[in-house]
Amino acid sequence: MVKIYIDSRMLVSFLFTEDAMSEKKNGLLLRRKLGESIIVGDATIKIVEVGRKAVRLAIIAPKTTKLLF
């Protein structure tokens, strides 16, 4: 499960957790600014736009990659 947060400085945080219902389990927190990206396996997730309540992401991955939202 991935949850996305935006702070007051427009810094985007990705919280990767094992359990969708709990943030207290083991997880990974990554922070990226506008224009930066994260590589997960064969996919690249790039921060394209950051608004007050929304983040626009570009996901670049092979056609064989399954994406779940």
N, C-alpha and C. Protein backbone atom coordinates (compact mmCIF):
# COMPACT_ATOMS: atom_id res chain seq x y z
N MET A 1 0.85 -1.17 0.00
CA MET A 1 0.00 0.00 0.00
C MET A 1 0.89 1.24 0.00
N VAL A 2 0.52 2.21 -0.79
CA VAL A 2 1.26 3.47 -0.85
C VAL A 2 0.31 4.60 -0.52
N LYS A 3 0.69 5.43 0.45
CA LYS A 3 -0.06 6.63 0.77
C LYS A 3 0.82 7.83 0.42
N ILE A 4 0.21 8.87 -0.13
CA ILE A 4 0.96 10.04 -0.57
C ILE A 4 0.51 11.24 0.24
N TYR A 5 1.46 11.99 0.80
CA TYR A 5 1.18 13.17 1.60
C TYR A 5 1.93 14.37 1.02
N ILE A 6 1.39 15.57 1.21
CA ILE A 6 2.05 16.81 0.79
C ILE A 6 2.18 17.70 2.02
N ASP A 7 3.37 18.21 2.30
CA ASP A 7 3.52 19.10 3.44
C ASP A 7 3.45 20.56 2.99
N SER A 8 3.58 21.48 3.93
CA SER A 8 3.43 22.91 3.64
C SER A 8 4.52 23.45 2.71
N ARG A 9 5.63 22.75 2.60
CA ARG A 9 6.71 23.17 1.70
C ARG A 9 6.60 22.53 0.32
N MET A 10 5.44 21.89 0.05
CA MET A 10 5.18 21.19 -1.21
C MET A 10 6.14 20.03 -1.43
N LEU A 11 6.55 19.40 -0.34
CA LEU A 11 7.40 18.22 -0.40
C LEU A 11 6.47 17.00 -0.38
N VAL A 12 6.64 16.10 -1.32
CA VAL A 12 5.78 14.93 -1.45
C VAL A 12 6.40 13.75 -0.71
N SER A 13 5.60 13.11 0.15
CA SER A 13 6.06 11.95 0.90
C SER A 13 5.28 10.71 0.45
N PHE A 14 6.00 9.64 0.19
CA PHE A 14 5.40 8.36 -0.16
C PHE A 14 5.63 7.43 1.02
N LEU A 15 4.56 6.88 1.58
CA LEU A 15 4.68 5.93 2.68
C LEU A 15 4.27 4.56 2.16
N PHE A 16 5.24 3.66 2.06
CA PHE A 16 5.00 2.29 1.60
C PHE A 16 4.83 1.42 2.84
N THR A 17 3.65 0.78 2.99
CA THR A 17 3.39 -0.07 4.14
C THR A 17 2.92 -1.44 3.68
N GLU A 18 3.07 -2.41 4.58
CA GLU A 18 2.61 -3.77 4.29
C GLU A 18 1.10 -3.88 4.39
N ASP A 19 0.51 -3.14 5.31
CA ASP A 19 -0.91 -3.25 5.62
C ASP A 19 -1.62 -1.95 5.26
N ALA A 20 -2.67 -2.03 4.48
CA ALA A 20 -3.39 -0.84 4.04
C ALA A 20 -4.09 -0.13 5.19
N MET A 21 -4.38 -0.82 6.28
CA MET A 21 -5.14 -0.23 7.38
C MET A 21 -4.26 0.40 8.45
N SER A 22 -2.98 0.15 8.44
CA SER A 22 -2.14 0.63 9.52
C SER A 22 -0.84 1.25 9.00
N GLU A 23 -0.50 2.41 9.53
CA GLU A 23 0.78 3.04 9.21
C GLU A 23 1.84 2.64 10.23
N LYS A 24 1.46 1.92 11.27
CA LYS A 24 2.39 1.59 12.34
C LYS A 24 3.21 0.35 12.04
N LYS A 25 2.86 -0.40 11.02
CA LYS A 25 3.64 -1.58 10.64
C LYS A 25 4.92 -1.13 9.93
N ASN A 26 5.79 -2.06 9.66
CA ASN A 26 7.02 -1.75 8.96
C ASN A 26 6.71 -1.07 7.64
N GLY A 27 7.46 -0.05 7.31
CA GLY A 27 7.21 0.66 6.06
C GLY A 27 8.44 1.43 5.63
N LEU A 28 8.31 2.10 4.51
CA LEU A 28 9.39 2.88 3.92
C LEU A 28 8.83 4.24 3.57
N LEU A 29 9.46 5.31 4.02
CA LEU A 29 9.03 6.66 3.74
C LEU A 29 10.06 7.33 2.83
N LEU A 30 9.62 7.79 1.67
CA LEU A 30 10.49 8.47 0.73
C LEU A 30 9.92 9.85 0.47
N ARG A 31 10.77 10.87 0.39
CA ARG A 31 10.33 12.23 0.11
C ARG A 31 11.01 12.73 -1.15
N ARG A 32 10.23 13.37 -1.98
CA ARG A 32 10.74 13.90 -3.24
C ARG A 32 10.15 15.26 -3.52
N LYS A 33 10.92 16.11 -4.20
CA LYS A 33 10.46 17.44 -4.61
C LYS A 33 10.02 17.39 -6.07
N LEU A 34 9.40 18.46 -6.52
CA LEU A 34 8.95 18.58 -7.90
C LEU A 34 10.11 18.29 -8.86
N GLY A 35 9.86 17.43 -9.84
CA GLY A 35 10.87 17.08 -10.83
C GLY A 35 11.72 15.88 -10.47
N GLU A 36 11.69 15.47 -9.20
CA GLU A 36 12.46 14.31 -8.77
C GLU A 36 11.65 13.03 -9.02
N SER A 37 12.31 11.88 -8.96
CA SER A 37 11.63 10.63 -9.24
C SER A 37 12.08 9.52 -8.30
N ILE A 38 11.30 8.44 -8.29
CA ILE A 38 11.57 7.24 -7.51
C ILE A 38 11.53 6.07 -8.48
N ILE A 39 12.49 5.17 -8.39
CA ILE A 39 12.48 3.97 -9.22
C ILE A 39 12.07 2.80 -8.34
N VAL A 40 10.99 2.11 -8.75
CA VAL A 40 10.49 0.95 -8.02
C VAL A 40 10.46 -0.21 -9.02
N GLY A 41 11.40 -1.13 -8.86
CA GLY A 41 11.50 -2.23 -9.81
C GLY A 41 11.80 -1.70 -11.20
N ASP A 42 10.93 -2.03 -12.16
CA ASP A 42 11.10 -1.56 -13.54
C ASP A 42 10.38 -0.24 -13.80
N ALA A 43 9.68 0.28 -12.81
CA ALA A 43 8.87 1.50 -13.00
C ALA A 43 9.57 2.71 -12.40
N THR A 44 9.37 3.85 -13.03
CA THR A 44 9.84 5.13 -12.52
C THR A 44 8.63 6.01 -12.24
N ILE A 45 8.57 6.58 -11.04
CA ILE A 45 7.49 7.48 -10.65
C ILE A 45 8.09 8.87 -10.50
N LYS A 46 7.63 9.82 -11.31
CA LYS A 46 8.17 11.17 -11.31
C LYS A 46 7.12 12.16 -10.82
N ILE A 47 7.53 13.12 -9.98
CA ILE A 47 6.64 14.17 -9.50
C ILE A 47 6.55 15.23 -10.60
N VAL A 48 5.37 15.37 -11.20
CA VAL A 48 5.18 16.29 -12.32
C VAL A 48 4.62 17.63 -11.86
N GLU A 49 3.67 17.57 -10.91
CA GLU A 49 3.03 18.80 -10.44
C GLU A 49 2.59 18.59 -8.99
N VAL A 50 2.74 19.64 -8.17
CA VAL A 50 2.33 19.57 -6.78
C VAL A 50 1.39 20.74 -6.51
N GLY A 51 0.19 20.42 -6.05
CA GLY A 51 -0.79 21.43 -5.68
C GLY A 51 -1.02 21.38 -4.19
N ARG A 52 -1.98 22.18 -3.71
CA ARG A 52 -2.25 22.20 -2.27
C ARG A 52 -2.82 20.88 -1.77
N LYS A 53 -3.66 20.24 -2.59
CA LYS A 53 -4.30 19.00 -2.15
C LYS A 53 -4.11 17.86 -3.14
N ALA A 54 -3.26 18.03 -4.11
CA ALA A 54 -3.10 16.99 -5.13
C ALA A 54 -1.66 16.92 -5.63
N VAL A 55 -1.29 15.74 -6.08
CA VAL A 55 0.02 15.51 -6.68
C VAL A 55 -0.22 14.87 -8.04
N ARG A 56 0.46 15.37 -9.06
CA ARG A 56 0.37 14.76 -10.39
C ARG A 56 1.63 13.96 -10.60
N LEU A 57 1.46 12.67 -10.90
CA LEU A 57 2.58 11.76 -11.07
C LEU A 57 2.66 11.27 -12.51
N ALA A 58 3.86 11.03 -12.97
CA ALA A 58 4.07 10.35 -14.25
C ALA A 58 4.67 8.99 -13.91
N ILE A 59 4.05 7.94 -14.41
CA ILE A 59 4.54 6.58 -14.15
C ILE A 59 5.02 6.01 -15.47
N ILE A 60 6.31 5.68 -15.52
CA ILE A 60 6.91 5.13 -16.72
C ILE A 60 7.29 3.69 -16.41
N ALA A 61 6.69 2.76 -17.15
CA ALA A 61 6.94 1.34 -16.89
C ALA A 61 6.72 0.55 -18.17
N PRO A 62 7.34 -0.63 -18.27
CA PRO A 62 7.08 -1.49 -19.42
C PRO A 62 5.61 -1.87 -19.50
N LYS A 63 5.13 -2.17 -20.70
CA LYS A 63 3.72 -2.54 -20.87
C LYS A 63 3.33 -3.78 -20.08
N THR A 64 4.28 -4.63 -19.76
CA THR A 64 3.99 -5.86 -19.04
C THR A 64 3.85 -5.63 -17.52
N THR A 65 4.14 -4.43 -17.05
CA THR A 65 4.04 -4.12 -15.61
C THR A 65 2.60 -3.85 -15.24
N LYS A 66 2.11 -4.51 -14.18
CA LYS A 66 0.76 -4.27 -13.70
C LYS A 66 0.78 -3.13 -12.69
N LEU A 67 -0.10 -2.14 -12.87
CA LEU A 67 -0.21 -1.02 -11.96
C LEU A 67 -1.56 -1.10 -11.26
N LEU A 68 -1.53 -1.05 -9.93
CA LEU A 68 -2.77 -1.09 -9.13
C LEU A 68 -2.89 0.24 -8.41
N PHE A 69 -4.06 0.84 -8.46
CA PHE A 69 -4.29 2.13 -7.79
C PHE A 69 -5.36 1.99 -6.76
